Amino acid sequence: MKRIIAVPIESLEERYSANWARWFPREFERLGVDFITINPRPLTDKINVGSFLDVIGTNYYKSMQTVYICWLIRSDKITNDDIFFFADLWNPTIESLAYIRDGLGMRFKITGCLHAGSYDPHDFLAKRGMGYWAEDIENGWFKIVDKIFVATNFHKRLLTTTRKVDPKKVIVTGFPIYDEQKRQPKENIVVFPHRLDSEKNPHLFDLLIKEFPASKYKWIKTKDVCKTKQEYYDLLERARISISFADQESWGIACLESLFADCITLVPQRLSYVEMYNPLLQFADFNQAISLISHAMFNPEDFDEIMYNDREKHLKQGAVAIENMVKECLSC
């Protein structure tokens, strides 16, 4: 009988990995999948140095996953029918598994989600100049793995045009997302929902504020005021408008969280946003962003049906994303 060996991302409150730590086991159980989870104690639950993950903490966590997996294989607890599923394929454990699989002549499979990598010029790895070594490593990993799951067609195109990877391995499954937010009375608040890294362009939000000097709206960067995930959700639920200026987005969890909190969610006309959101929520440049947010501030009711339709679309896609991944894993 096939079994999934789940290899998660470390659970960080600041990231959706904390949600995934609940959602994936729940969905595996709902689908009747036999699984175990490789979840060692993390070094930290904070991002002290890094962007999406903590630089030292993530390497410690992944190293501990490698150690435990090696123990499982040595103890004959992994079989040829097992399928390793990485919640983040950017994980050096893949190399160890390839070495062991080939060295022992085993036939277990290796799959997982890909979020980003050095192939994206705006990613943390690329910005820190790691592409000179990471490109060859990524190409090696993509030869090793049996299936790669990405959330959007944009990400698949980015990956297959910048790295040596068989397009047949790259499967667009959607992104796991569920609406767990409450509904609160709306206030005149515009939020910038992203982390304050350069690829998210928080300075454009500052420039946008200057375009509305007499506005009765409050303009808030969530990372400036929210110390916990719950505070962040509470703010989104009270906000009327959320806007992104991101240069990097293979999916866009912050904008989806804004959408599910009933914010009018405005996005640049690029990246994964193009295939995810109604064109009437997209702006091509900064001047269009000014016009669009002005429309949202003074005529919010014009966006009601658009937001409802986009929200329902993403809820439907998000609810089956893990199921899509499971089906692909079991078909290996």
C-alpha atoms as a PDB file:
ATOM      1  CA  MET A   1       0.000   0.000   0.000  1.00  0.00           C
ATOM      2  CA  LYS A   2       1.334   3.427  -0.934  1.00  0.00           C
ATOM      3  CA  ARG A   3       2.132   5.810   1.890  1.00  0.00           C
ATOM      4  CA  ILE A   4       3.077   9.490   1.968  1.00  0.00           C
ATOM      5  CA  ILE A   5       6.118  10.534   3.982  1.00  0.00           C
ATOM      6  CA  ALA A   6       5.296  14.199   4.637  1.00  0.00           C
ATOM      7  CA  VAL A   7       8.317  16.497   5.010  1.00  0.00           C
ATOM      8  CA  PRO A   8       6.876  19.879   6.103  1.00  0.00           C
ATOM      9  CA  ILE A   9       8.250  23.399   6.290  1.00  0.00           C
ATOM     10  CA  GLU A  10       9.071  24.484   9.832  1.00  0.00           C
ATOM     11  CA  SER A  11       6.001  26.027  11.423  1.00  0.00           C
ATOM     12  CA  LEU A  12       6.425  29.811  11.728  1.00  0.00           C
ATOM     13  CA  GLU A  13       3.587  32.018  12.895  1.00  0.00           C
ATOM     14  CA  GLU A  14       4.728  34.753  10.507  1.00  0.00           C
ATOM     15  CA  ARG A  15       4.292  32.446   7.516  1.00  0.00           C
ATOM     16  CA  TYR A  16       1.519  30.239   6.209  1.00  0.00           C
ATOM     17  CA  SER A  17       3.604  27.198   7.227  1.00  0.00           C
ATOM     18  CA  ALA A  18       1.795  27.344  10.580  1.00  0.00           C
ATOM     19  CA  ASN A  19      -1.510  26.918   8.720  1.00  0.00           C
ATOM     20  CA  TRP A  20      -0.052  24.145   6.585  1.00  0.00           C
ATOM     21  CA  ALA A  21       1.000  22.262   9.727  1.00  0.00           C
ATOM     22  CA  ARG A  22      -2.741  21.899  10.458  1.00  0.00           C
ATOM     23  CA  TRP A  23      -4.179  21.696   6.972  1.00  0.00           C
ATOM     24  CA  PHE A  24      -2.069  18.944   5.417  1.00  0.00           C
ATOM     25  CA  PRO A  25      -2.559  16.286   8.144  1.00  0.00           C
ATOM     26  CA  ARG A  26      -6.248  17.151   8.270  1.00  0.00           C
ATOM     27  CA  GLU A  27      -6.635  16.671   4.504  1.00  0.00           C
ATOM     28  CA  PHE A  28      -4.542  13.497   4.456  1.00  0.00           C
ATOM     29  CA  GLU A  29      -6.864  12.043   7.070  1.00  0.00           C
ATOM     30  CA  ARG A  30      -9.972  13.213   5.220  1.00  0.00           C
ATOM     31  CA  LEU A  31      -8.722  11.542   2.047  1.00  0.00           C
ATOM     32  CA  GLY A  32      -7.886   8.317   3.874  1.00  0.00           C
ATOM     33  CA  VAL A  33      -4.184   8.556   3.056  1.00  0.00           C
ATOM     34  CA  ASP A  34      -1.656   6.521   5.025  1.00  0.00           C
ATOM     35  CA  PHE A  35       1.050   9.001   6.077  1.00  0.00           C
ATOM     36  CA  ILE A  36       3.708   9.930   8.591  1.00  0.00           C
ATOM     37  CA  THR A  37       5.176  13.398   9.170  1.00  0.00           C
ATOM     38  CA  ILE A  38       8.873  14.200   9.619  1.00  0.00           C
ATOM     39  CA  ASN A  39       8.643  17.150  11.993  1.00  0.00           C
ATOM     40  CA  PRO A  40      11.665  17.622  14.297  1.00  0.00           C
ATOM     41  CA  ARG A  41      11.802  20.361  16.897  1.00  0.00           C
ATOM     42  CA  PRO A  42      12.828  23.611  15.137  1.00  0.00           C
ATOM     43  CA  LEU A  43      15.737  25.712  16.288  1.00  0.00           C
ATOM     44  CA  THR A  44      13.551  28.847  16.291  1.00  0.00           C
ATOM     45  CA  ASP A  45      10.022  29.903  15.464  1.00  0.00           C
ATOM     46  CA  LYS A  46      11.166  33.413  14.471  1.00  0.00           C
ATOM     47  CA  ILE A  47      12.794  34.833  11.352  1.00  0.00           C
ATOM     48  CA  ASN A  48      15.894  36.464  12.772  1.00  0.00           C
ATOM     49  CA  VAL A  49      17.873  36.626   9.507  1.00  0.00           C
ATOM     50  CA  GLY A  50      16.259  35.938   6.175  1.00  0.00           C
ATOM     51  CA  SER A  51      13.095  36.639   4.228  1.00  0.00           C
ATOM     52  CA  PHE A  52      10.643  33.769   3.823  1.00  0.00           C
ATOM     53  CA  LEU A  53      12.467  31.548   6.341  1.00  0.00           C
ATOM     54  CA  ASP A  54      15.223  32.031   8.916  1.00  0.00           C
ATOM     55  CA  VAL A  55      18.625  31.432   7.301  1.00  0.00           C
ATOM     56  CA  ILE A  56      20.084  29.351  10.140  1.00  0.00           C
ATOM     57  CA  GLY A  57      16.841  27.927  11.490  1.00  0.00           C
ATOM     58  CA  THR A  58      15.721  26.446   8.190  1.00  0.00           C
ATOM     59  CA  ASN A  59      19.034  24.687   7.602  1.00  0.00           C
ATOM     60  CA  TYR A  60      18.971  23.243  11.112  1.00  0.00           C
ATOM     61  CA  TYR A  61      15.394  22.018  10.671  1.00  0.00           C
ATOM     62  CA  LYS A  62      16.076  20.417   7.288  1.00  0.00           C
ATOM     63  CA  SER A  63      19.235  18.777   8.596  1.00  0.00           C
ATOM     64  CA  MET A  64      17.231  17.217  11.414  1.00  0.00           C
ATOM     65  CA  GLN A  65      14.723  15.949   8.851  1.00  0.00           C
ATOM     66  CA  THR A  66      17.575  14.303   6.950  1.00  0.00           C
ATOM     67  CA  VAL A  67      18.854  12.645  10.119  1.00  0.00           C
ATOM     68  CA  TYR A  68      15.450  11.203  11.002  1.00  0.00           C
ATOM     69  CA  ILE A  69      14.762  10.007   7.470  1.00  0.00           C
ATOM     70  CA  CYS A  70      18.129   8.217   7.384  1.00  0.00           C
ATOM     71  CA  TRP A  71      17.211   6.505  10.655  1.00  0.00           C
ATOM     72  CA  LEU A  72      13.867   5.399   9.199  1.00  0.00           C
ATOM     73  CA  ILE A  73      15.550   3.903   6.144  1.00  0.00           C
ATOM     74  CA  ARG A  74      18.258   2.204   8.213  1.00  0.00           C
ATOM     75  CA  SER A  75      15.506   0.727  10.402  1.00  0.00           C
ATOM     76  CA  ASP A  76      13.679  -0.695   7.343  1.00  0.00           C
ATOM     77  CA  LYS A  77      10.725   1.603   7.974  1.00  0.00           C
ATOM     78  CA  ILE A  78      10.728   3.016   4.423  1.00  0.00           C
ATOM     79  CA  THR A  79       9.591   0.826   1.534  1.00  0.00           C
ATOM     80  CA  ASN A  80       9.634   1.013  -2.256  1.00  0.00           C
ATOM     81  CA  ASP A  81       5.949   1.996  -2.195  1.00  0.00           C
ATOM     82  CA  ASP A  82       6.536   5.131  -0.124  1.00  0.00           C
ATOM     83  CA  ILE A  83       6.274   8.613  -1.618  1.00  0.00           C
ATOM     84  CA  PHE A  84       8.191  11.482  -0.028  1.00  0.00           C
ATOM     85  CA  PHE A  85       6.206  14.705  -0.186  1.00  0.00           C
ATOM     86  CA  PHE A  86       8.138  17.910   0.555  1.00  0.00           C
ATOM     87  CA  ALA A  87       6.038  20.925   1.501  1.00  0.00           C
ATOM     88  CA  ASP A  88       9.037  22.916   0.216  1.00  0.00           C
ATOM     89  CA  LEU A  89      11.200  21.210  -2.418  1.00  0.00           C
ATOM     90  CA  TRP A  90      14.042  23.651  -1.781  1.00  0.00           C
ATOM     91  CA  ASN A  91      15.482  21.143   0.674  1.00  0.00           C
ATOM     92  CA  PRO A  92      18.974  19.543   0.585  1.00  0.00           C
ATOM     93  CA  THR A  93      17.460  16.340   2.008  1.00  0.00           C
ATOM     94  CA  ILE A  94      16.590  15.547  -1.609  1.00  0.00           C
ATOM     95  CA  GLU A  95      20.272  14.914  -2.365  1.00  0.00           C
ATOM     96  CA  SER A  96      20.569  12.430   0.489  1.00  0.00           C
ATOM     97  CA  LEU A  97      17.442  10.614  -0.677  1.00  0.00           C
ATOM     98  CA  ALA A  98      18.789  10.342  -4.224  1.00  0.00           C
ATOM     99  CA  TYR A  99      22.091   8.971  -2.914  1.00  0.00           C
ATOM    100  CA  ILE A 100      20.302   6.402  -0.764  1.00  0.00           C
ATOM    101  CA  ARG A 101      17.710   5.468  -3.385  1.00  0.00           C
ATOM    102  CA  ASP A 102      20.314   4.841  -6.059  1.00  0.00           C
ATOM    103  CA  GLY A 103      22.857   3.342  -3.691  1.00  0.00           C
ATOM    104  CA  LEU A 104      20.409   0.803  -2.264  1.00  0.00           C
ATOM    105  CA  GLY A 105      18.500   0.245  -5.486  1.00  0.00           C
ATOM    106  CA  MET A 106      15.244   1.399  -3.882  1.00  0.00           C
ATOM    107  CA  ARG A 107      12.256   2.745  -5.819  1.00  0.00           C
ATOM    108  CA  PHE A 108      10.521   5.204  -3.455  1.00  0.00           C
ATOM    109  CA  LYS A 109       9.353   8.444  -5.086  1.00  0.00           C
ATOM    110  CA  ILE A 110      10.191  12.080  -4.320  1.00  0.00           C
ATOM    111  CA  THR A 111       7.643  14.866  -4.866  1.00  0.00           C
ATOM    112  CA  GLY A 112       6.757  18.220  -3.409  1.00  0.00           C
ATOM    113  CA  CYS A 113       5.757  21.877  -3.684  1.00  0.00           C
ATOM    114  CA  LEU A 114       8.063  24.497  -5.102  1.00  0.00           C
ATOM    115  CA  HIS A 115       7.559  28.031  -3.800  1.00  0.00           C
ATOM    116  CA  ALA A 116      10.511  29.931  -5.259  1.00  0.00           C
ATOM    117  CA  GLY A 117      14.225  29.634  -5.904  1.00  0.00           C
ATOM    118  CA  SER A 118      17.286  31.349  -7.318  1.00  0.00           C
ATOM    119  CA  TYR A 119      15.636  31.216 -10.761  1.00  0.00           C
ATOM    120  CA  ASP A 120      13.452  34.146  -9.668  1.00  0.00           C
ATOM    121  CA  PRO A 121      15.583  37.337  -9.841  1.00  0.00           C
ATOM    122  CA  HIS A 122      13.569  38.896  -7.001  1.00  0.00           C
ATOM    123  CA  ASP A 123      13.899  35.941  -4.634  1.00  0.00           C
ATOM    124  CA  PHE A 124      16.042  36.196  -1.476  1.00  0.00           C
ATOM    125  CA  LEU A 125      18.504  33.632  -2.887  1.00  0.00           C
ATOM    126  CA  ALA A 126      19.032  35.575  -6.107  1.00  0.00           C
ATOM    127  CA  LYS A 127      19.255  38.938  -4.354  1.00  0.00           C
ATOM    128  CA  ARG A 128      21.971  37.563  -2.077  1.00  0.00           C
ATOM    129  CA  GLY A 129      23.948  36.372  -5.117  1.00  0.00           C
ATOM    130  CA  MET A 130      23.461  32.648  -4.486  1.00  0.00           C
ATOM    131  CA  GLY A 131      22.526  31.883  -8.086  1.00  0.00           C
ATOM    132  CA  TYR A 132      26.151  31.177  -9.037  1.00  0.00           C
ATOM    133  CA  TRP A 133      25.976  27.898  -7.076  1.00  0.00           C
ATOM    134  CA  ALA A 134      22.238  27.408  -6.597  1.00  0.00           C
ATOM    135  CA  GLU A 135      21.461  27.102 -10.319  1.00  0.00           C
ATOM    136  CA  ASP A 136      23.428  23.865 -10.687  1.00  0.00           C
ATOM    137  CA  ILE A 137      22.008  22.479  -7.443  1.00  0.00           C
ATOM    138  CA  GLU A 138      18.442  23.270  -8.494  1.00  0.00           C
ATOM    139  CA  ASN A 139      18.973  21.617 -11.869  1.00  0.00           C
ATOM    140  CA  GLY A 140      20.278  18.547 -10.040  1.00  0.00           C
ATOM    141  CA  TRP A 141      17.268  18.449  -7.709  1.00  0.00           C
ATOM    142  CA  PHE A 142      14.870  18.738 -10.628  1.00  0.00           C
ATOM    143  CA  LYS A 143      16.467  15.657 -12.197  1.00  0.00           C
ATOM    144  CA  ILE A 144      16.055  13.750  -8.927  1.00  0.00           C
ATOM    145  CA  VAL A 145      12.435  14.519  -8.087  1.00  0.00           C
ATOM    146  CA  ASP A 146       9.556  12.676  -9.715  1.00  0.00           C
ATOM    147  CA  LYS A 147       6.934  15.452  -9.558  1.00  0.00           C
ATOM    148  CA  ILE A 148       7.032  19.180  -8.824  1.00  0.00           C
ATOM    149  CA  PHE A 149       3.856  20.953  -7.700  1.00  0.00           C
ATOM    150  CA  VAL A 150       3.427  24.679  -8.330  1.00  0.00           C
ATOM    151  CA  ALA A 151       0.462  26.922  -7.667  1.00  0.00           C
ATOM    152  CA  THR A 152       0.182  28.838 -10.932  1.00  0.00           C
ATOM    153  CA  ASN A 153       0.950  28.643 -14.639  1.00  0.00           C
ATOM    154  CA  PHE A 154       3.110  31.755 -14.218  1.00  0.00           C
ATOM    155  CA  HIS A 155       5.383  29.850 -11.835  1.00  0.00           C
ATOM    156  CA  LYS A 156       5.592  26.867 -14.172  1.00  0.00           C
ATOM    157  CA  ARG A 157       6.646  29.110 -17.073  1.00  0.00           C
ATOM    158  CA  LEU A 158       9.203  30.903 -14.904  1.00  0.00           C
ATOM    159  CA  LEU A 159      10.686  27.601 -13.771  1.00  0.00           C
ATOM    160  CA  THR A 160      10.768  25.800 -17.119  1.00  0.00           C
ATOM    161  CA  THR A 161      12.281  28.765 -18.976  1.00  0.00           C
ATOM    162  CA  THR A 162      15.107  29.372 -16.499  1.00  0.00           C
ATOM    163  CA  ARG A 163      16.103  25.879 -15.342  1.00  0.00           C
ATOM    164  CA  LYS A 164      16.701  22.462 -16.881  1.00  0.00           C
ATOM    165  CA  VAL A 165      13.519  20.699 -15.858  1.00  0.00           C
ATOM    166  CA  ASP A 166      11.170  18.376 -17.721  1.00  0.00           C
ATOM    167  CA  PRO A 167       7.910  20.356 -18.099  1.00  0.00           C
ATOM    168  CA  LYS A 168       5.966  17.099 -17.698  1.00  0.00           C
ATOM    169  CA  LYS A 169       7.222  16.897 -14.110  1.00  0.00           C
ATOM    170  CA  VAL A 170       5.857  20.337 -13.247  1.00  0.00           C
ATOM    171  CA  ILE A 171       2.176  20.150 -12.322  1.00  0.00           C
ATOM    172  CA  VAL A 172      -0.050  23.132 -11.559  1.00  0.00           C
ATOM    173  CA  THR A 173      -2.149  22.044  -8.586  1.00  0.00           C
ATOM    174  CA  GLY A 174      -3.290  25.344  -7.097  1.00  0.00           C
ATOM    175  CA  PHE A 175      -2.374  26.489  -3.609  1.00  0.00           C
ATOM    176  CA  PRO A 176      -3.932  25.174  -0.378  1.00  0.00           C
ATOM    177  CA  ILE A 177      -6.017  27.931   1.142  1.00  0.00           C
ATOM    178  CA  TYR A 178      -9.091  27.937   3.368  1.00  0.00           C
ATOM    179  CA  ASP A 179     -11.188  30.781   4.667  1.00  0.00           C
ATOM    180  CA  GLU A 180     -10.708  30.750   8.440  1.00  0.00           C
ATOM    181  CA  GLN A 181     -11.220  34.455   9.002  1.00  0.00           C
ATOM    182  CA  LYS A 182     -14.063  36.167  10.770  1.00  0.00           C
ATOM    183  CA  ARG A 183     -16.123  39.088   9.518  1.00  0.00           C
ATOM    184  CA  GLN A 184     -15.988  42.469  11.242  1.00  0.00           C
ATOM    185  CA  PRO A 185     -17.472  45.892  10.471  1.00  0.00           C
ATOM    186  CA  LYS A 186     -15.279  47.677   7.965  1.00  0.00           C
ATOM    187  CA  GLU A 187     -13.322  50.830   8.759  1.00  0.00           C
ATOM    188  CA  ASN A 188     -11.666  53.307   6.408  1.00  0.00           C
ATOM    189  CA  ILE A 189      -8.293  51.565   6.381  1.00  0.00           C
ATOM    190  CA  VAL A 190      -5.952  50.812   3.480  1.00  0.00           C
ATOM    191  CA  VAL A 191      -3.381  48.110   4.245  1.00  0.00           C
ATOM    192  CA  PHE A 192      -0.118  46.987   2.707  1.00  0.00           C
ATOM    193  CA  PRO A 193      -0.271  43.287   3.680  1.00  0.00           C
ATOM    194  CA  HIS A 194       3.236  42.126   2.782  1.00  0.00           C
ATOM    195  CA  ARG A 195       6.514  41.720   4.589  1.00  0.00           C
ATOM    196  CA  LEU A 196       8.639  44.866   4.162  1.00  0.00           C
ATOM    197  CA  ASP A 197      11.227  43.402   1.789  1.00  0.00           C
ATOM    198  CA  SER A 198      12.428  45.234  -1.316  1.00  0.00           C
ATOM    199  CA  GLU A 199      10.689  42.868  -3.770  1.00  0.00           C
ATOM    200  CA  LYS A 200       7.347  43.873  -2.237  1.00  0.00           C
ATOM    201  CA  ASN A 201       8.043  47.602  -2.871  1.00  0.00           C
ATOM    202  CA  PRO A 202       6.745  49.082   0.399  1.00  0.00           C
ATOM    203  CA  HIS A 203       8.127  52.476  -0.692  1.00  0.00           C
ATOM    204  CA  LEU A 204       5.400  52.653  -3.349  1.00  0.00           C
ATOM    205  CA  PHE A 205       2.812  52.427  -0.588  1.00  0.00           C
ATOM    206  CA  ASP A 206       4.488  55.440   1.036  1.00  0.00           C
ATOM    207  CA  LEU A 207       4.277  57.337  -2.246  1.00  0.00           C
ATOM    208  CA  LEU A 208       0.636  56.354  -2.603  1.00  0.00           C
ATOM    209  CA  ILE A 209      -0.199  57.865   0.790  1.00  0.00           C
ATOM    210  CA  LYS A 210       1.178  61.219  -0.388  1.00  0.00           C
ATOM    211  CA  GLU A 211      -1.314  61.214  -3.262  1.00  0.00           C
ATOM    212  CA  PHE A 212      -4.198  61.413  -0.768  1.00  0.00           C
ATOM    213  CA  PRO A 213      -3.222  64.124   1.753  1.00  0.00           C
ATOM    214  CA  ALA A 214      -6.833  64.933   2.672  1.00  0.00           C
ATOM    215  CA  SER A 215      -7.981  61.330   2.855  1.00  0.00           C
ATOM    216  CA  LYS A 216      -9.992  60.202   5.869  1.00  0.00           C
ATOM    217  CA  TYR A 217      -8.461  56.747   5.467  1.00  0.00           C
ATOM    218  CA  LYS A 218      -5.781  55.281   7.709  1.00  0.00           C
ATOM    219  CA  TRP A 219      -2.832  53.860   5.761  1.00  0.00           C
ATOM    220  CA  ILE A 220      -1.157  50.933   7.523  1.00  0.00           C
ATOM    221  CA  LYS A 221       1.656  48.525   6.715  1.00  0.00           C
ATOM    222  CA  THR A 222       0.635  45.391   8.569  1.00  0.00           C
ATOM    223  CA  LYS A 223       4.230  44.525   9.487  1.00  0.00           C
ATOM    224  CA  ASP A 224       4.604  47.885  11.225  1.00  0.00           C
ATOM    225  CA  VAL A 225       1.842  47.220  13.738  1.00  0.00           C
ATOM    226  CA  CYS A 226       1.017  43.496  13.915  1.00  0.00           C
ATOM    227  CA  LYS A 227       3.059  41.381  16.314  1.00  0.00           C
ATOM    228  CA  THR A 228       1.049  38.154  15.880  1.00  0.00           C
ATOM    229  CA  LYS A 229      -0.839  36.412  13.103  1.00  0.00           C
ATOM    230  CA  GLN A 230      -4.116  37.037  14.902  1.00  0.00           C
ATOM    231  CA  GLU A 231      -3.445  40.767  15.087  1.00  0.00           C
ATOM    232  CA  TYR A 232      -2.732  40.663  11.363  1.00  0.00           C
ATOM    233  CA  TYR A 233      -6.016  38.876  10.641  1.00  0.00           C
ATOM    234  CA  ASP A 234      -7.912  41.297  12.881  1.00  0.00           C
ATOM    235  CA  LEU A 235      -6.479  44.242  10.948  1.00  0.00           C
ATOM    236  CA  LEU A 236      -7.338  42.707   7.564  1.00  0.00           C
ATOM    237  CA  GLU A 237     -10.868  42.045   8.759  1.00  0.00           C
ATOM    238  CA  ARG A 238     -11.319  45.725   9.688  1.00  0.00           C
ATOM    239  CA  ALA A 239      -9.592  47.125   6.586  1.00  0.00           C
ATOM    240  CA  ARG A 240     -11.604  48.130   3.547  1.00  0.00           C
ATOM    241  CA  ILE A 241      -8.805  48.055   0.938  1.00  0.00           C
ATOM    242  CA  SER A 242      -5.580  46.056   0.505  1.00  0.00           C
ATOM    243  CA  ILE A 243      -2.995  46.839  -2.152  1.00  0.00           C
ATOM    244  CA  SER A 244       0.119  45.081  -3.450  1.00  0.00           C
ATOM    245  CA  PHE A 245       3.063  46.415  -5.443  1.00  0.00           C
ATOM    246  CA  ALA A 246       5.009  43.126  -5.472  1.00  0.00           C
ATOM    247  CA  ASP A 247       7.733  42.285  -7.997  1.00  0.00           C
ATOM    248  CA  GLN A 248       7.820  38.669  -6.814  1.00  0.00           C
ATOM    249  CA  GLU A 249       4.744  36.526  -6.414  1.00  0.00           C
ATOM    250  CA  SER A 250       4.402  32.923  -7.512  1.00  0.00           C
ATOM    251  CA  TRP A 251       1.074  32.827  -5.667  1.00  0.00           C
ATOM    252  CA  GLY A 252       0.375  35.638  -3.188  1.00  0.00           C
ATOM    253  CA  ILE A 253      -0.898  34.440   0.172  1.00  0.00           C
ATOM    254  CA  ALA A 254      -1.171  37.956   1.669  1.00  0.00           C
ATOM    255  CA  CYS A 255      -3.502  39.133  -1.070  1.00  0.00           C
ATOM    256  CA  LEU A 256      -5.636  36.015  -0.733  1.00  0.00           C
ATOM    257  CA  GLU A 257      -5.883  36.548   3.012  1.00  0.00           C
ATOM    258  CA  SER A 258      -6.980  40.101   2.238  1.00  0.00           C
ATOM    259  CA  LEU A 259      -9.560  38.822  -0.226  1.00  0.00           C
ATOM    260  CA  PHE A 260     -10.982  36.376   2.328  1.00  0.00           C
ATOM    261  CA  ALA A 261     -11.180  39.200   4.871  1.00  0.00           C
ATOM    262  CA  ASP A 262     -13.487  41.061   2.439  1.00  0.00           C
ATOM    263  CA  CYS A 263     -10.903  43.694   1.563  1.00  0.00           C
ATOM    264  CA  ILE A 264     -11.050  45.210  -1.907  1.00  0.00           C
ATOM    265  CA  THR A 265      -7.804  43.610  -3.059  1.00  0.00           C
ATOM    266  CA  LEU A 266      -5.852  45.564  -5.689  1.00  0.00           C
ATOM    267  CA  VAL A 267      -2.818  44.059  -7.450  1.00  0.00           C
ATOM    268  CA  PRO A 268      -0.258  44.954 -10.127  1.00  0.00           C
ATOM    269  CA  GLN A 269      -0.841  43.586 -13.616  1.00  0.00           C
ATOM    270  CA  ARG A 270       2.011  41.070 -13.552  1.00  0.00           C
ATOM    271  CA  LEU A 271       3.270  37.795 -12.068  1.00  0.00           C
ATOM    272  CA  SER A 272       0.714  35.237 -10.857  1.00  0.00           C
ATOM    273  CA  TYR A 273      -1.764  38.023 -10.176  1.00  0.00           C
ATOM    274  CA  VAL A 274      -2.703  38.193 -13.865  1.00  0.00           C
ATOM    275  CA  GLU A 275      -4.247  34.713 -13.844  1.00  0.00           C
ATOM    276  CA  MET A 276      -5.638  34.978 -10.317  1.00  0.00           C
ATOM    277  CA  TYR A 277      -7.619  38.220 -10.167  1.00  0.00           C
ATOM    278  CA  ASN A 278     -10.291  39.951 -12.177  1.00  0.00           C
ATOM    279  CA  PRO A 279      -8.680  42.478 -14.586  1.00  0.00           C
ATOM    280  CA  LEU A 280     -10.712  45.233 -12.921  1.00  0.00           C
ATOM    281  CA  LEU A 281      -8.629  44.691  -9.757  1.00  0.00           C
ATOM    282  CA  GLN A 282      -5.325  45.042 -11.621  1.00  0.00           C
ATOM    283  CA  PHE A 283      -3.317  48.184 -12.380  1.00  0.00           C
ATOM    284  CA  ALA A 284      -0.606  48.522 -15.023  1.00  0.00           C
ATOM    285  CA  ASP A 285       1.393  51.327 -13.415  1.00  0.00           C
ATOM    286  CA  PHE A 286       1.482  53.672 -10.432  1.00  0.00           C
ATOM    287  CA  ASN A 287      -0.868  56.212 -12.000  1.00  0.00           C
ATOM    288  CA  GLN A 288      -3.450  53.490 -12.579  1.00  0.00           C
ATOM    289  CA  ALA A 289      -2.977  52.392  -8.972  1.00  0.00           C
ATOM    290  CA  ILE A 290      -3.897  55.913  -7.843  1.00  0.00           C
ATOM    291  CA  SER A 291      -7.044  55.890  -9.978  1.00  0.00           C
ATOM    292  CA  LEU A 292      -8.059  52.413  -8.924  1.00  0.00           C
ATOM    293  CA  ILE A 293      -7.625  52.975  -5.211  1.00  0.00           C
ATOM    294  CA  SER A 294      -9.502  56.276  -5.486  1.00  0.00           C
ATOM    295  CA  HIS A 295     -12.382  54.405  -7.112  1.00  0.00           C
ATOM    296  CA  ALA A 296     -12.296  51.818  -4.319  1.00  0.00           C
ATOM    297  CA  MET A 297     -12.292  54.497  -1.623  1.00  0.00           C
ATOM    298  CA  PHE A 298     -15.257  56.475  -2.962  1.00  0.00           C
ATOM    299  CA  ASN A 299     -17.307  53.739  -4.650  1.00  0.00           C
ATOM    300  CA  PRO A 300     -16.515  50.486  -2.794  1.00  0.00           C
ATOM    301  CA  GLU A 301     -19.869  48.944  -3.761  1.00  0.00           C
ATOM    302  CA  ASP A 302     -18.683  48.760  -7.395  1.00  0.00           C
ATOM    303  CA  PHE A 303     -16.319  45.963  -6.366  1.00  0.00           C
ATOM    304  CA  ASP A 304     -18.747  43.786  -4.412  1.00  0.00           C
ATOM    305  CA  GLU A 305     -19.603  41.296  -7.161  1.00  0.00           C
ATOM    306  CA  ILE A 306     -16.032  41.160  -8.469  1.00  0.00           C
ATOM    307  CA  MET A 307     -14.668  40.370  -5.021  1.00  0.00           C
ATOM    308  CA  TYR A 308     -17.338  37.765  -4.343  1.00  0.00           C
ATOM    309  CA  ASN A 309     -16.606  35.922  -7.603  1.00  0.00           C
ATOM    310  CA  ASP A 310     -12.824  35.968  -7.097  1.00  0.00           C
ATOM    311  CA  ARG A 311     -13.208  34.843  -3.489  1.00  0.00           C
ATOM    312  CA  GLU A 312     -15.436  31.907  -4.468  1.00  0.00           C
ATOM    313  CA  LYS A 313     -13.048  30.913  -7.244  1.00  0.00           C
ATOM    314  CA  HIS A 314     -10.037  30.795  -4.938  1.00  0.00           C
ATOM    315  CA  LEU A 315     -11.905  29.006  -2.170  1.00  0.00           C
ATOM    316  CA  LYS A 316     -12.916  26.315  -4.631  1.00  0.00           C
ATOM    317  CA  GLN A 317      -9.375  25.974  -6.012  1.00  0.00           C
ATOM    318  CA  GLY A 318      -7.738  26.083  -2.585  1.00  0.00           C
ATOM    319  CA  ALA A 319     -10.050  23.431  -1.150  1.00  0.00           C
ATOM    320  CA  VAL A 320      -8.879  20.845  -3.707  1.00  0.00           C
ATOM    321  CA  ALA A 321      -5.187  21.798  -3.979  1.00  0.00           C
ATOM    322  CA  ILE A 322      -3.972  19.246  -1.419  1.00  0.00           C
ATOM    323  CA  GLU A 323      -6.254  16.633  -2.938  1.00  0.00           C
ATOM    324  CA  ASN A 324      -4.694  17.376  -6.335  1.00  0.00           C
ATOM    325  CA  MET A 325      -1.228  16.870  -4.868  1.00  0.00           C
ATOM    326  CA  VAL A 326      -2.218  13.627  -3.164  1.00  0.00           C
ATOM    327  CA  LYS A 327      -3.641  12.211  -6.387  1.00  0.00           C
ATOM    328  CA  GLU A 328      -0.468  13.081  -8.254  1.00  0.00           C
ATOM    329  CA  CYS A 329       1.689  11.557  -5.497  1.00  0.00           C
ATOM    330  CA  LEU A 330      -0.277   8.302  -5.478  1.00  0.00           C
ATOM    331  CA  SER A 331      -0.082   8.058  -9.264  1.00  0.00           C
ATOM    332  CA  CYS A 332       3.726   7.979  -9.205  1.00  0.00           C
END
